[in-house]
Amino acid sequence: MSPTPAKPGGTRIPSRRTVLRGAFTAAVVTGTAGALLPLLDRDPAAADGPAPAPGPGSGSGSRATTEEFAEMYRGREIRGTTTVVVPAGAPADDRGAVAAEPVTEIRIDGRPLHVMRRADGTYLSDVRHYESYPTLLETARAAVDELGSARLAPPAAHHM
């Protein structure tokens, strides 16, 4: 390949390949930035739902209840809460919402039902572990339906 010809003043003229490579690189960078801007520019607290309002808390962090219910369903008393615990010393800006962990609890006739939250925001329980539900209330009702007249076993004692 021959070197790029020089102008009479001694400056080089960029080759067609160099110009096209630069234009292609600029187009790729611009397209990528345009595609990623909505993802990077969004407000994480607004996208995940309302952020818990900081309330008076103990030294371990502040709490805000996001879902709570108590009802009789098919002759069984079901109670449940989801509490978001924000660690003490968490930043007050949007990053504080990332550090918050929801704590869920369901009780059927006073006995705890182990509930897990899935990555998509739904819940599943030990009683109905093969099916997930959008709310804690629906999870508790499904567990009661599955239990029928049986009672939940008391929680196992953990020995060390």
N, C-alpha and C. Protein backbone atom coordinates (compact mmCIF):
# COMPACT_ATOMS: atom_id res chain seq x y z
N MET A 1 0.85 -1.17 0.00
CA MET A 1 0.00 0.00 0.00
C MET A 1 0.89 1.23 0.00
N SER A 2 0.58 2.18 -0.82
CA SER A 2 1.40 3.37 -0.92
C SER A 2 1.00 4.36 0.16
N PRO A 3 1.96 5.16 0.62
CA PRO A 3 1.64 6.14 1.66
C PRO A 3 0.67 7.19 1.12
N THR A 4 -0.03 7.82 2.06
CA THR A 4 -0.99 8.85 1.70
C THR A 4 -0.26 10.01 1.06
N PRO A 5 -0.76 10.48 -0.07
CA PRO A 5 -0.07 11.58 -0.74
C PRO A 5 -0.09 12.85 0.11
N ALA A 6 0.94 13.61 -0.05
CA ALA A 6 1.06 14.84 0.71
C ALA A 6 0.68 16.03 -0.14
N LYS A 7 0.12 17.05 0.51
CA LYS A 7 -0.17 18.31 -0.18
C LYS A 7 1.14 19.06 -0.38
N PRO A 8 1.11 20.05 -1.22
CA PRO A 8 2.36 20.82 -1.44
C PRO A 8 2.91 21.43 -0.16
N GLY A 9 2.07 21.73 0.86
CA GLY A 9 2.57 22.33 2.10
C GLY A 9 3.17 21.31 3.05
N GLY A 10 3.12 20.03 2.74
CA GLY A 10 3.69 19.00 3.59
C GLY A 10 2.67 18.28 4.47
N THR A 11 1.39 18.65 4.46
CA THR A 11 0.39 17.96 5.28
C THR A 11 -0.15 16.75 4.52
N ARG A 12 -0.56 15.75 5.24
CA ARG A 12 -1.08 14.53 4.62
C ARG A 12 -2.58 14.60 4.45
N ILE A 13 -3.09 14.03 3.41
CA ILE A 13 -4.53 13.92 3.18
C ILE A 13 -4.96 12.57 3.75
N PRO A 14 -5.97 12.54 4.64
CA PRO A 14 -6.39 11.24 5.19
C PRO A 14 -6.96 10.36 4.08
N SER A 15 -6.65 9.08 4.20
CA SER A 15 -7.15 8.15 3.20
C SER A 15 -8.65 7.93 3.37
N ARG A 16 -9.28 7.42 2.35
CA ARG A 16 -10.73 7.15 2.38
C ARG A 16 -11.05 6.16 3.50
N ARG A 17 -10.19 5.15 3.69
CA ARG A 17 -10.39 4.15 4.73
C ARG A 17 -10.37 4.79 6.12
N THR A 18 -9.47 5.71 6.37
CA THR A 18 -9.38 6.38 7.66
C THR A 18 -10.63 7.23 7.92
N VAL A 19 -11.09 7.92 6.91
CA VAL A 19 -12.28 8.75 7.06
C VAL A 19 -13.50 7.88 7.34
N LEU A 20 -13.66 6.78 6.60
CA LEU A 20 -14.80 5.89 6.81
C LEU A 20 -14.75 5.21 8.19
N ARG A 21 -13.56 4.82 8.62
CA ARG A 21 -13.41 4.20 9.93
C ARG A 21 -13.80 5.18 11.04
N GLY A 22 -13.39 6.43 10.91
CA GLY A 22 -13.76 7.45 11.90
C GLY A 22 -15.26 7.71 11.91
N ALA A 23 -15.87 7.77 10.72
CA ALA A 23 -17.32 7.99 10.64
C ALA A 23 -18.08 6.81 11.24
N PHE A 24 -17.63 5.58 10.97
CA PHE A 24 -18.28 4.40 11.52
C PHE A 24 -18.17 4.39 13.04
N THR A 25 -16.99 4.69 13.57
CA THR A 25 -16.79 4.71 15.02
C THR A 25 -17.70 5.76 15.67
N ALA A 26 -17.78 6.93 15.07
CA ALA A 26 -18.65 7.99 15.62
C ALA A 26 -20.12 7.55 15.60
N ALA A 27 -20.55 6.86 14.53
CA ALA A 27 -21.93 6.40 14.44
C ALA A 27 -22.23 5.34 15.48
N VAL A 28 -21.29 4.43 15.73
CA VAL A 28 -21.49 3.38 16.74
C VAL A 28 -21.56 3.99 18.13
N VAL A 29 -20.67 4.90 18.44
CA VAL A 29 -20.69 5.54 19.77
C VAL A 29 -21.98 6.32 19.97
N THR A 30 -22.40 7.07 18.97
CA THR A 30 -23.64 7.86 19.08
C THR A 30 -24.85 6.95 19.24
N GLY A 31 -24.92 5.87 18.47
CA GLY A 31 -26.05 4.94 18.57
C GLY A 31 -26.10 4.25 19.92
N THR A 32 -24.94 3.83 20.42
CA THR A 32 -24.89 3.18 21.73
C THR A 32 -25.31 4.14 22.83
N ALA A 33 -24.83 5.36 22.78
CA ALA A 33 -25.20 6.36 23.79
C ALA A 33 -26.70 6.64 23.75
N GLY A 34 -27.25 6.73 22.54
CA GLY A 34 -28.68 6.98 22.41
C GLY A 34 -29.51 5.82 22.95
N ALA A 35 -29.03 4.60 22.77
CA ALA A 35 -29.76 3.43 23.26
C ALA A 35 -29.65 3.29 24.78
N LEU A 36 -28.51 3.65 25.35
CA LEU A 36 -28.30 3.48 26.78
C LEU A 36 -28.78 4.66 27.62
N LEU A 37 -28.98 5.81 27.01
CA LEU A 37 -29.37 6.99 27.77
C LEU A 37 -30.65 6.79 28.58
N PRO A 38 -31.72 6.20 28.04
CA PRO A 38 -32.92 6.00 28.87
C PRO A 38 -32.67 5.08 30.06
N LEU A 39 -31.76 4.13 29.92
CA LEU A 39 -31.47 3.23 31.03
C LEU A 39 -30.64 3.90 32.11
N LEU A 40 -29.68 4.70 31.68
CA LEU A 40 -28.79 5.34 32.64
C LEU A 40 -29.37 6.61 33.24
N ASP A 41 -30.32 7.23 32.56
CA ASP A 41 -30.88 8.50 33.00
C ASP A 41 -32.10 8.35 33.88
N ARG A 42 -32.64 7.13 34.01
CA ARG A 42 -33.86 6.96 34.79
C ARG A 42 -33.59 7.09 36.28
N ASP A 43 -34.62 7.43 37.02
CA ASP A 43 -34.55 7.57 38.47
C ASP A 43 -34.87 6.22 39.09
N PRO A 44 -33.90 5.54 39.74
CA PRO A 44 -34.16 4.20 40.25
C PRO A 44 -35.27 4.18 41.30
N ALA A 45 -35.39 5.21 42.11
CA ALA A 45 -36.44 5.22 43.14
C ALA A 45 -37.81 5.30 42.50
N ALA A 46 -37.96 6.07 41.42
CA ALA A 46 -39.25 6.20 40.76
C ALA A 46 -39.58 4.95 39.97
N ALA A 47 -38.59 4.27 39.41
CA ALA A 47 -38.84 3.09 38.58
C ALA A 47 -39.26 1.89 39.41
N ASP A 48 -38.77 1.77 40.63
CA ASP A 48 -39.08 0.62 41.47
C ASP A 48 -40.30 0.84 42.34
N GLY A 49 -40.93 1.98 42.24
CA GLY A 49 -42.09 2.27 43.08
C GLY A 49 -41.74 3.35 44.08
N PRO A 50 -42.66 3.70 44.93
CA PRO A 50 -42.39 4.77 45.87
C PRO A 50 -41.34 4.35 46.89
N ALA A 51 -40.40 5.23 47.11
CA ALA A 51 -39.37 4.95 48.11
C ALA A 51 -39.96 5.10 49.49
N PRO A 52 -39.52 4.27 50.45
CA PRO A 52 -40.06 4.38 51.79
C PRO A 52 -39.67 5.70 52.42
N ALA A 53 -40.62 6.29 53.09
CA ALA A 53 -40.35 7.55 53.76
C ALA A 53 -39.52 7.29 55.00
N PRO A 54 -38.43 8.02 55.18
CA PRO A 54 -37.63 7.79 56.37
C PRO A 54 -38.41 8.20 57.60
N GLY A 55 -38.46 7.33 58.54
CA GLY A 55 -39.19 7.59 59.76
C GLY A 55 -38.26 7.50 60.93
N PRO A 56 -38.79 7.77 62.09
CA PRO A 56 -37.94 7.66 63.26
C PRO A 56 -37.58 6.20 63.47
N GLY A 57 -36.34 5.93 63.65
CA GLY A 57 -35.92 4.55 63.80
C GLY A 57 -34.92 4.41 64.92
N SER A 58 -34.64 3.18 65.25
CA SER A 58 -33.64 2.94 66.27
C SER A 58 -32.27 3.02 65.63
N GLY A 59 -31.25 2.68 66.36
CA GLY A 59 -29.89 2.75 65.86
C GLY A 59 -29.63 1.77 64.73
N SER A 60 -30.51 0.77 64.54
CA SER A 60 -30.27 -0.23 63.51
C SER A 60 -30.81 0.18 62.16
N GLY A 61 -31.52 1.30 62.07
CA GLY A 61 -32.06 1.75 60.78
C GLY A 61 -33.51 2.16 60.93
N SER A 62 -34.06 2.73 59.88
CA SER A 62 -35.46 3.14 59.93
C SER A 62 -36.30 2.14 59.17
N ARG A 63 -37.61 2.09 59.50
CA ARG A 63 -38.51 1.12 58.90
C ARG A 63 -39.71 1.84 58.30
N ALA A 64 -40.23 1.29 57.21
CA ALA A 64 -41.46 1.79 56.60
C ALA A 64 -42.24 0.57 56.13
N THR A 65 -43.49 0.44 56.60
CA THR A 65 -44.32 -0.68 56.20
C THR A 65 -44.93 -0.39 54.84
N THR A 66 -44.79 -1.33 53.91
CA THR A 66 -45.29 -1.12 52.56
C THR A 66 -46.53 -1.95 52.26
N GLU A 67 -46.73 -3.07 52.95
CA GLU A 67 -47.93 -3.89 52.76
C GLU A 67 -48.27 -4.52 54.10
N GLU A 68 -49.54 -4.44 54.48
CA GLU A 68 -49.97 -5.01 55.75
C GLU A 68 -51.42 -5.46 55.59
N PHE A 69 -51.73 -6.63 56.16
CA PHE A 69 -53.10 -7.13 56.11
C PHE A 69 -53.36 -8.04 57.30
N ALA A 70 -54.60 -8.15 57.65
CA ALA A 70 -55.07 -9.08 58.69
C ALA A 70 -56.51 -9.39 58.35
N GLU A 71 -56.82 -10.67 58.18
CA GLU A 71 -58.18 -11.05 57.84
C GLU A 71 -58.45 -12.50 58.21
N MET A 72 -59.73 -12.86 58.25
CA MET A 72 -60.14 -14.25 58.39
C MET A 72 -60.41 -14.76 56.98
N TYR A 73 -59.79 -15.87 56.63
CA TYR A 73 -59.97 -16.46 55.31
C TYR A 73 -60.22 -17.95 55.50
N ARG A 74 -61.40 -18.39 55.11
CA ARG A 74 -61.80 -19.80 55.26
C ARG A 74 -61.63 -20.30 56.68
N GLY A 75 -61.98 -19.47 57.63
CA GLY A 75 -61.90 -19.84 59.04
C GLY A 75 -60.50 -19.76 59.63
N ARG A 76 -59.54 -19.26 58.90
CA ARG A 76 -58.17 -19.14 59.40
C ARG A 76 -57.80 -17.67 59.49
N GLU A 77 -57.08 -17.33 60.54
CA GLU A 77 -56.62 -15.95 60.70
C GLU A 77 -55.27 -15.82 59.99
N ILE A 78 -55.22 -14.92 59.02
CA ILE A 78 -53.95 -14.67 58.34
C ILE A 78 -53.55 -13.21 58.54
N ARG A 79 -52.27 -13.03 58.84
CA ARG A 79 -51.69 -11.69 59.03
C ARG A 79 -50.38 -11.64 58.27
N GLY A 80 -50.10 -10.48 57.72
CA GLY A 80 -48.84 -10.35 57.00
C GLY A 80 -48.39 -8.91 56.90
N THR A 81 -47.09 -8.74 56.83
CA THR A 81 -46.50 -7.41 56.65
C THR A 81 -45.26 -7.53 55.78
N THR A 82 -44.99 -6.46 55.07
CA THR A 82 -43.72 -6.27 54.39
C THR A 82 -43.17 -4.97 54.92
N THR A 83 -42.01 -5.02 55.49
CA THR A 83 -41.37 -3.85 56.05
C THR A 83 -40.05 -3.64 55.35
N VAL A 84 -39.80 -2.43 54.91
CA VAL A 84 -38.53 -2.11 54.28
C VAL A 84 -37.62 -1.53 55.35
N VAL A 85 -36.46 -2.16 55.52
CA VAL A 85 -35.50 -1.72 56.53
C VAL A 85 -34.36 -1.03 55.80
N VAL A 86 -34.16 0.24 56.11
CA VAL A 86 -33.06 1.00 55.54
C VAL A 86 -31.94 1.01 56.57
N PRO A 87 -30.77 0.48 56.22
CA PRO A 87 -29.67 0.41 57.18
C PRO A 87 -29.28 1.79 57.70
N ALA A 88 -28.90 1.84 58.96
CA ALA A 88 -28.45 3.10 59.55
C ALA A 88 -27.22 3.59 58.80
N GLY A 89 -27.17 4.87 58.56
CA GLY A 89 -26.04 5.45 57.87
C GLY A 89 -26.13 5.35 56.36
N ALA A 90 -27.26 4.83 55.85
CA ALA A 90 -27.42 4.75 54.39
C ALA A 90 -27.56 6.15 53.84
N PRO A 91 -27.02 6.41 52.65
CA PRO A 91 -27.12 7.74 52.08
C PRO A 91 -28.57 8.17 51.87
N ALA A 92 -28.82 9.44 51.99
CA ALA A 92 -30.19 9.96 51.87
C ALA A 92 -30.62 10.12 50.42
N ASP A 93 -29.71 9.96 49.47
CA ASP A 93 -30.08 10.13 48.07
C ASP A 93 -30.63 8.83 47.50
N ASP A 94 -30.69 8.73 46.18
CA ASP A 94 -31.28 7.57 45.51
C ASP A 94 -30.56 6.26 45.84
N ARG A 95 -29.31 6.32 46.20
CA ARG A 95 -28.58 5.09 46.51
C ARG A 95 -29.11 4.43 47.77
N GLY A 96 -29.81 5.16 48.64
CA GLY A 96 -30.38 4.58 49.85
C GLY A 96 -31.44 3.56 49.54
N ALA A 97 -32.17 3.75 48.44
CA ALA A 97 -33.21 2.80 48.06
C ALA A 97 -32.61 1.46 47.65
N VAL A 98 -31.39 1.49 47.13
CA VAL A 98 -30.74 0.25 46.72
C VAL A 98 -30.35 -0.55 47.95
N ALA A 99 -29.96 0.12 49.04
CA ALA A 99 -29.51 -0.56 50.24
C ALA A 99 -30.66 -1.11 51.07
N ALA A 100 -31.90 -0.68 50.81
CA ALA A 100 -33.04 -1.13 51.60
C ALA A 100 -33.40 -2.57 51.26
N GLU A 101 -33.72 -3.35 52.30
CA GLU A 101 -34.11 -4.74 52.12
C GLU A 101 -35.50 -4.96 52.67
N PRO A 102 -36.42 -5.52 51.86
CA PRO A 102 -37.75 -5.79 52.38
C PRO A 102 -37.74 -7.04 53.26
N VAL A 103 -38.43 -6.97 54.39
CA VAL A 103 -38.57 -8.10 55.30
C VAL A 103 -40.04 -8.47 55.30
N THR A 104 -40.34 -9.72 54.96
CA THR A 104 -41.73 -10.17 54.88
C THR A 104 -42.04 -11.15 55.99
N GLU A 105 -43.30 -11.10 56.43
CA GLU A 105 -43.75 -12.04 57.46
C GLU A 105 -45.22 -12.34 57.23
N ILE A 106 -45.55 -13.63 57.22
CA ILE A 106 -46.94 -14.08 57.17
C ILE A 106 -47.16 -15.04 58.33
N ARG A 107 -48.29 -14.89 59.00
CA ARG A 107 -48.67 -15.82 60.07
C ARG A 107 -50.06 -16.35 59.77
N ILE A 108 -50.20 -17.66 59.88
CA ILE A 108 -51.50 -18.31 59.72
C ILE A 108 -51.83 -18.93 61.06
N ASP A 109 -52.91 -18.46 61.67
CA ASP A 109 -53.31 -18.87 63.03
C ASP A 109 -52.14 -18.72 64.00
N GLY A 110 -51.37 -17.65 63.83
CA GLY A 110 -50.27 -17.35 64.75
C GLY A 110 -48.97 -18.05 64.44
N ARG A 111 -48.96 -18.98 63.51
CA ARG A 111 -47.73 -19.70 63.18
C ARG A 111 -47.11 -19.10 61.91
N PRO A 112 -45.78 -18.92 61.91
CA PRO A 112 -45.13 -18.26 60.76
C PRO A 112 -45.10 -19.16 59.52
N LEU A 113 -45.34 -18.54 58.39
CA LEU A 113 -45.22 -19.19 57.10
C LEU A 113 -43.99 -18.60 56.42
N HIS A 114 -43.06 -19.46 56.05
CA HIS A 114 -41.84 -18.97 55.40
C HIS A 114 -42.17 -18.51 53.98
N VAL A 115 -41.82 -17.25 53.67
CA VAL A 115 -42.12 -16.65 52.37
C VAL A 115 -40.82 -16.13 51.79
N MET A 116 -40.68 -16.31 50.48
CA MET A 116 -39.50 -15.80 49.78
C MET A 116 -39.96 -14.88 48.67
N ARG A 117 -39.19 -13.84 48.44
CA ARG A 117 -39.49 -12.91 47.36
C ARG A 117 -38.60 -13.25 46.17
N ARG A 118 -39.22 -13.37 45.01
CA ARG A 118 -38.47 -13.69 43.79
C ARG A 118 -37.93 -12.41 43.16
N ALA A 119 -37.02 -12.57 42.23
CA ALA A 119 -36.39 -11.43 41.57
C ALA A 119 -37.41 -10.58 40.81
N ASP A 120 -38.49 -11.19 40.33
CA ASP A 120 -39.50 -10.42 39.58
C ASP A 120 -40.50 -9.72 40.48
N GLY A 121 -40.32 -9.81 41.81
CA GLY A 121 -41.19 -9.11 42.75
C GLY A 121 -42.35 -9.94 43.27
N THR A 122 -42.52 -11.16 42.77
CA THR A 122 -43.60 -12.02 43.26
C THR A 122 -43.12 -12.80 44.48
N TYR A 123 -44.05 -13.48 45.14
CA TYR A 123 -43.75 -14.23 46.36
C TYR A 123 -44.08 -15.70 46.17
N LEU A 124 -43.34 -16.55 46.89
CA LEU A 124 -43.70 -17.95 46.98
C LEU A 124 -43.47 -18.40 48.42
N SER A 125 -44.16 -19.47 48.81
CA SER A 125 -44.08 -19.93 50.19
C SER A 125 -43.63 -21.39 50.23
N ASP A 126 -43.33 -21.87 51.43
CA ASP A 126 -42.96 -23.27 51.60
C ASP A 126 -44.13 -24.19 51.27
N VAL A 127 -45.34 -23.72 51.50
CA VAL A 127 -46.51 -24.56 51.25
C VAL A 127 -46.79 -24.66 49.75
N ARG A 128 -46.70 -23.56 49.02
CA ARG A 128 -46.94 -23.54 47.57
C ARG A 128 -45.66 -23.07 46.87
N HIS A 129 -44.60 -23.86 46.99
CA HIS A 129 -43.30 -23.44 46.48
C HIS A 129 -43.16 -23.53 44.97
N TYR A 130 -44.10 -24.13 44.29
CA TYR A 130 -44.02 -24.27 42.84
C TYR A 130 -44.80 -23.20 42.09
N GLU A 131 -45.47 -22.30 42.81
CA GLU A 131 -46.26 -21.26 42.18
C GLU A 131 -46.02 -19.94 42.91
N SER A 132 -45.88 -18.86 42.16
CA SER A 132 -45.63 -17.56 42.79
C SER A 132 -46.86 -16.67 42.65
N TYR A 133 -46.97 -15.68 43.54
CA TYR A 133 -48.13 -14.80 43.61
C TYR A 133 -47.66 -13.35 43.69
N PRO A 134 -48.45 -12.42 43.14
CA PRO A 134 -48.01 -11.02 43.08
C PRO A 134 -48.01 -10.30 44.44
N THR A 135 -48.84 -10.74 45.39
CA THR A 135 -48.90 -10.05 46.69
C THR A 135 -48.77 -11.06 47.82
N LEU A 136 -48.45 -10.55 49.00
CA LEU A 136 -48.38 -11.41 50.17
C LEU A 136 -49.76 -11.97 50.52
N LEU A 137 -50.80 -11.17 50.37
CA LEU A 137 -52.15 -11.63 50.70
C LEU A 137 -52.53 -12.83 49.83
N GLU A 138 -52.26 -12.76 48.54
CA GLU A 138 -52.57 -13.88 47.66
C GLU A 138 -51.72 -15.11 48.01
N THR A 139 -50.47 -14.89 48.43
CA THR A 139 -49.60 -15.99 48.85
C THR A 139 -50.17 -16.67 50.09
N ALA A 140 -50.64 -15.87 51.06
CA ALA A 140 -51.21 -16.43 52.28
C ALA A 140 -52.50 -17.19 51.99
N ARG A 141 -53.36 -16.64 51.16
CA ARG A 141 -54.61 -17.32 50.82
C ARG A 141 -54.34 -18.65 50.10
N ALA A 142 -53.37 -18.67 49.20
CA ALA A 142 -53.03 -19.90 48.50
C ALA A 142 -52.50 -20.95 49.48
N ALA A 143 -51.73 -20.53 50.47
CA ALA A 143 -51.22 -21.46 51.48
C ALA A 143 -52.37 -22.04 52.29
N VAL A 144 -53.35 -21.22 52.66
CA VAL A 144 -54.52 -21.70 53.39
C VAL A 144 -55.30 -22.69 52.54
N ASP A 145 -55.47 -22.37 51.26
CA ASP A 145 -56.17 -23.29 50.35
C ASP A 145 -55.45 -24.64 50.30
N GLU A 146 -54.16 -24.62 50.24
CA GLU A 146 -53.37 -25.86 50.15
C GLU A 146 -53.38 -26.63 51.46
N LEU A 147 -53.34 -25.92 52.59
CA LEU A 147 -53.31 -26.58 53.89
C LEU A 147 -54.63 -27.28 54.21
N GLY A 148 -55.72 -26.71 53.76
CA GLY A 148 -57.02 -27.28 54.12
C GLY A 148 -57.24 -27.16 55.62
N SER A 149 -57.49 -28.28 56.30
CA SER A 149 -57.70 -28.24 57.75
C SER A 149 -56.41 -28.48 58.53
N ALA A 150 -55.30 -28.78 57.84
CA ALA A 150 -54.02 -29.00 58.52
C ALA A 150 -53.47 -27.68 59.06
N ARG A 151 -52.63 -27.79 60.07
CA ARG A 151 -52.00 -26.61 60.64
C ARG A 151 -50.53 -26.55 60.18
N LEU A 152 -50.01 -25.37 60.17
CA LEU A 152 -48.57 -25.23 59.88
C LEU A 152 -47.78 -25.85 61.01
N ALA A 153 -46.67 -26.46 60.68
CA ALA A 153 -45.78 -27.01 61.70
C ALA A 153 -45.09 -25.86 62.41
N PRO A 154 -44.85 -26.03 63.72
CA PRO A 154 -44.10 -24.95 64.41
C PRO A 154 -42.71 -24.83 63.81
N PRO A 155 -42.12 -23.64 63.89
CA PRO A 155 -40.79 -23.45 63.32
C PRO A 155 -39.77 -24.36 64.01
N ALA A 156 -38.86 -24.91 63.25
CA ALA A 156 -37.82 -25.79 63.79
C ALA A 156 -36.82 -24.97 64.58
N ALA A 157 -36.38 -25.53 65.68
CA ALA A 157 -35.36 -24.87 66.49
C ALA A 157 -34.01 -25.07 65.81
N HIS A 158 -33.26 -24.00 65.70
CA HIS A 158 -31.94 -24.07 65.05
C HIS A 158 -30.89 -24.30 66.13
N HIS A 159 -30.18 -25.39 66.01
CA HIS A 159 -29.12 -25.72 66.96
C HIS A 159 -27.78 -25.45 66.32
N MET A 160 -26.85 -24.94 67.11
CA MET A 160 -25.51 -24.69 66.58
C MET A 160 -24.54 -25.66 67.13
